[in-house]
Amino acid sequence: MTQPMDRSCMLPQLGEMDDEHGEFWVENPFLLPQLGKNISAYEKNRMFLNMPGGAFLDASFASQADIDSDSRSVIASDFDKDGYCDLLVGSDGGGPLRMFRNSFPWQTRRVRLRLVGKISNRTAIGSRVILECGGRQIVRDLFAPNGFLGQAPAEMLIGVGTSERIEQLTVRWPTGQEQTFTDLDVDCEIVLTEGQTDVQFTPL
């Protein structure tokens, strides 16, 4: 388009099209729907596992997530509440939502942390959590991740490796108030309420 918002502008074809490979030219992009053209690119999805040391492993084929679809959005969340991240993938062109359940045989431990704000907002968005376990420190901020055409829930699912206990957990609430909890279980959901010392545990 030579002019912003000029819906009547026509641009002539600049070269030969390869019809065998599905190339085509439309002189005005606003004509795409009425001409029945689709610019979606059906490329296989890719999925990578974050490996120790900063490397990534291409697990696209093994995960069966490498579907041939024009996928636009993906949400990573623990949909079946087993403590492992699953994937919800949305594709363009009116295709279905697809759920990829995480059935990987993990041998590590994890914790799902649920924060309940009292003075802060109810879902405690904006909180920072610092875990001390297995000789290392893990820092997580609570927010609802926003991707393209999708928003994941505000939740904290934290892997703790082979640690059997969380030695110390500090919550910095959005108000700036800090609370510290010690000697917490893993492989469970932990519910912490702002300003309260009681801790609720539910096995995963």
Protein backbone atom coordinates (compact mmCIF):
# COMPACT_ATOMS: atom_id res chain seq x y z
CA MET A 1 0.00 0.00 0.00
CA THR A 2 1.54 3.29 -1.05
CA GLN A 3 -0.61 5.37 1.28
CA PRO A 4 -1.66 4.52 4.85
CA MET A 5 -5.19 3.09 4.99
CA ASP A 6 -5.65 3.46 1.22
CA ARG A 7 -7.99 0.51 0.62
CA SER A 8 -8.31 1.26 -3.07
CA CYS A 9 -4.60 1.08 -3.90
CA MET A 10 -3.66 -1.67 -6.38
CA LEU A 11 -0.12 -3.03 -6.68
CA PRO A 12 0.64 -5.00 -9.88
CA GLN A 13 2.35 -8.36 -9.77
CA LEU A 14 6.12 -7.82 -9.75
CA GLY A 15 7.26 -11.17 -11.09
CA GLU A 16 6.37 -14.72 -12.02
CA MET A 17 4.53 -16.86 -9.46
CA ASP A 18 5.35 -20.50 -8.77
CA ASP A 19 1.87 -22.04 -8.95
CA GLU A 20 3.12 -25.53 -8.13
CA HIS A 21 4.29 -24.31 -4.73
CA GLY A 22 1.14 -22.32 -4.02
CA GLU A 23 2.46 -18.84 -4.70
CA PHE A 24 -0.08 -16.21 -5.69
CA TRP A 25 -0.44 -12.43 -5.93
CA VAL A 26 -3.34 -10.27 -4.83
CA GLU A 27 -3.17 -6.63 -5.90
CA ASN A 28 -4.87 -5.41 -2.73
CA PRO A 29 -4.72 -7.33 0.60
CA PHE A 30 -8.29 -6.25 1.39
CA LEU A 31 -9.40 -8.46 -1.51
CA LEU A 32 -8.02 -11.65 0.08
CA PRO A 33 -11.30 -12.82 1.71
CA GLN A 34 -13.54 -12.31 -1.33
CA LEU A 35 -11.00 -14.02 -3.60
CA GLY A 36 -10.86 -17.00 -1.24
CA LYS A 37 -7.14 -16.62 -0.65
CA ASN A 38 -5.37 -17.51 2.57
CA ILE A 39 -1.91 -16.32 3.54
CA SER A 40 -1.56 -18.84 6.37
CA ALA A 41 1.70 -20.77 6.28
CA TYR A 42 1.28 -24.39 7.34
CA GLU A 43 4.66 -24.95 8.90
CA LYS A 44 5.29 -27.65 11.47
CA ASN A 45 5.32 -26.51 15.08
CA ARG A 46 8.51 -26.85 17.07
CA MET A 47 9.03 -27.63 20.74
CA PHE A 48 12.33 -27.40 22.60
CA LEU A 49 13.30 -28.66 26.04
CA ASN A 50 15.55 -26.45 28.14
CA MET A 51 18.49 -28.66 29.13
CA PRO A 52 21.07 -28.15 31.89
CA GLY A 53 23.86 -25.80 30.86
CA GLY A 54 21.66 -23.59 28.68
CA ALA A 55 21.28 -25.97 25.73
CA PHE A 56 17.97 -26.80 24.03
CA LEU A 57 16.82 -30.22 22.83
CA ASP A 58 14.49 -30.39 19.81
CA ALA A 59 11.64 -32.54 21.11
CA SER A 60 9.17 -31.63 18.38
CA PHE A 61 8.75 -35.12 16.89
CA ALA A 62 8.98 -37.06 20.16
CA SER A 63 6.34 -34.85 21.81
CA GLN A 64 3.97 -35.12 18.81
CA ALA A 65 3.55 -31.37 19.06
CA ASP A 66 4.97 -30.89 15.55
CA ILE A 67 1.54 -30.70 13.95
CA ASP A 68 1.28 -29.27 10.43
CA SER A 69 -0.89 -26.29 11.26
CA ASP A 70 -0.80 -22.53 11.21
CA SER A 71 -0.57 -22.26 14.99
CA ARG A 72 -0.62 -18.75 16.42
CA SER A 73 -0.92 -19.03 20.19
CA VAL A 74 0.33 -21.35 22.89
CA ILE A 75 -0.42 -21.41 26.60
CA ALA A 76 1.78 -23.35 29.02
CA SER A 77 -0.09 -24.30 32.17
CA ASP A 78 -0.82 -27.25 34.45
CA PHE A 79 -4.27 -28.02 33.05
CA ASP A 80 -4.68 -31.46 34.65
CA LYS A 81 -3.26 -30.31 38.01
CA ASP A 82 -0.60 -33.00 38.27
CA GLY A 83 2.24 -30.52 38.78
CA TYR A 84 3.62 -30.65 35.22
CA CYS A 85 3.23 -28.04 32.49
CA ASP A 86 0.90 -28.90 29.59
CA LEU A 87 0.39 -26.99 26.34
CA LEU A 88 -2.78 -25.52 24.81
CA VAL A 89 -2.24 -24.58 21.15
CA GLY A 90 -4.56 -22.45 19.04
CA SER A 91 -4.33 -22.38 15.25
CA ASP A 92 -5.55 -19.92 12.61
CA GLY A 93 -8.32 -20.55 10.11
CA GLY A 94 -10.93 -21.77 12.56
CA GLY A 95 -9.03 -24.92 13.51
CA PRO A 96 -9.53 -26.61 16.86
CA LEU A 97 -7.72 -25.90 20.08
CA ARG A 98 -5.31 -28.74 20.78
CA MET A 99 -4.22 -29.88 24.22
CA PHE A 100 -0.84 -31.55 24.63
CA ARG A 101 -0.73 -33.30 27.98
CA ASN A 102 2.68 -33.59 29.57
CA SER A 103 3.29 -37.31 30.18
CA PHE A 104 7.09 -37.12 30.25
CA PRO A 105 8.52 -39.54 32.85
CA TRP A 106 10.03 -36.88 35.11
CA GLN A 107 12.21 -37.99 38.02
CA THR A 108 12.47 -34.57 39.62
CA ARG A 109 10.34 -32.82 42.19
CA ARG A 110 8.14 -29.75 41.94
CA VAL A 111 5.76 -27.53 43.87
CA ARG A 112 2.68 -25.59 42.84
CA LEU A 113 2.47 -22.37 44.82
CA ARG A 114 -0.81 -20.50 45.24
CA LEU A 115 -0.72 -17.05 46.80
CA VAL A 116 -3.81 -15.41 48.26
CA GLY A 117 -3.66 -11.64 48.69
CA LYS A 118 -5.50 -9.88 51.48
CA ILE A 119 -4.15 -6.34 51.46
CA SER A 120 -2.74 -6.86 47.96
CA ASN A 121 -4.88 -7.92 45.01
CA ARG A 122 -6.67 -11.23 45.54
CA THR A 123 -4.53 -13.23 43.10
CA ALA A 124 -1.33 -11.59 44.43
CA ILE A 125 -0.14 -10.64 40.93
CA GLY A 126 3.13 -8.75 41.27
CA SER A 127 4.49 -10.91 44.10
CA ARG A 128 8.05 -12.21 44.11
CA VAL A 129 8.94 -15.61 45.54
CA ILE A 130 12.45 -16.70 46.56
CA LEU A 131 13.04 -20.39 47.28
CA GLU A 132 16.12 -21.81 48.98
CA CYS A 133 16.55 -25.54 48.32
CA GLY A 134 19.30 -27.98 47.46
CA GLY A 135 21.99 -25.34 47.86
CA ARG A 136 20.51 -22.99 45.26
CA GLN A 137 18.17 -20.03 45.07
CA ILE A 138 15.14 -19.92 42.76
CA VAL A 139 13.41 -16.58 42.08
CA ARG A 140 9.98 -16.32 40.47
CA ASP A 141 7.61 -13.37 39.85
CA LEU A 142 3.86 -13.95 39.72
CA PHE A 143 2.05 -12.60 36.68
CA ALA A 144 -0.32 -13.77 33.97
CA PRO A 145 1.86 -14.31 30.86
CA ASN A 146 0.46 -12.64 27.75
CA GLY A 147 1.42 -14.13 24.41
CA PHE A 148 0.02 -13.62 20.93
CA LEU A 149 -3.74 -14.36 20.99
CA GLY A 150 -3.54 -16.03 24.38
CA GLN A 151 -3.10 -15.46 28.10
CA ALA A 152 -1.93 -18.04 30.61
CA PRO A 153 -3.25 -18.13 34.17
CA ALA A 154 -1.36 -16.45 37.00
CA GLU A 155 0.16 -19.47 38.69
CA MET A 156 3.49 -20.64 40.04
CA LEU A 157 4.67 -24.11 39.12
CA ILE A 158 8.28 -24.44 40.23
CA GLY A 159 10.69 -27.31 39.63
CA VAL A 160 13.06 -27.94 42.55
CA GLY A 161 15.21 -30.69 41.01
CA THR A 162 15.93 -33.52 43.42
CA SER A 163 15.38 -31.44 46.57
CA GLU A 164 13.22 -33.24 49.12
CA ARG A 165 12.44 -30.11 51.15
CA ILE A 166 12.29 -26.35 50.66
CA GLU A 167 14.52 -24.97 53.37
CA GLN A 168 13.21 -21.41 53.10
CA LEU A 169 10.60 -19.60 51.04
CA THR A 170 10.25 -15.82 51.09
CA VAL A 171 7.25 -14.01 49.59
CA ARG A 172 7.46 -10.32 48.78
CA TRP A 173 3.84 -9.26 48.34
CA PRO A 174 2.85 -6.38 46.01
CA THR A 175 2.51 -4.12 49.06
CA GLY A 176 6.22 -4.63 49.81
CA GLN A 177 5.53 -6.73 52.89
CA GLU A 178 7.72 -9.84 53.19
CA GLN A 179 6.97 -13.19 54.79
CA THR A 180 9.35 -16.09 55.30
CA PHE A 181 8.39 -19.76 55.66
CA THR A 182 10.76 -22.62 56.46
CA ASP A 183 10.95 -26.40 56.02
CA LEU A 184 8.19 -26.86 53.42
CA ASP A 185 7.11 -30.02 51.60
CA VAL A 186 7.60 -30.59 47.87
CA ASP A 187 5.47 -32.50 45.32
CA CYS A 188 2.42 -30.67 46.60
CA GLU A 189 0.37 -27.50 46.25
CA ILE A 190 1.24 -24.91 48.86
CA VAL A 191 -1.26 -22.17 49.66
CA LEU A 192 0.08 -19.06 51.37
CA THR A 193 -2.17 -16.23 52.49
CA GLU A 194 -0.87 -12.70 52.90
CA GLY A 195 -0.31 -11.77 56.53
CA GLN A 196 -1.01 -15.28 57.85
CA THR A 197 1.46 -17.87 59.12
CA ASP A 198 -0.65 -20.95 58.39
CA VAL A 199 0.43 -23.03 55.39
CA GLN A 200 -1.91 -25.38 53.51
CA PHE A 201 -0.49 -28.46 51.76
CA THR A 202 -2.28 -30.62 49.17
CA PRO A 203 -0.36 -33.54 47.55
CA LEU A 204 -0.11 -33.41 43.75
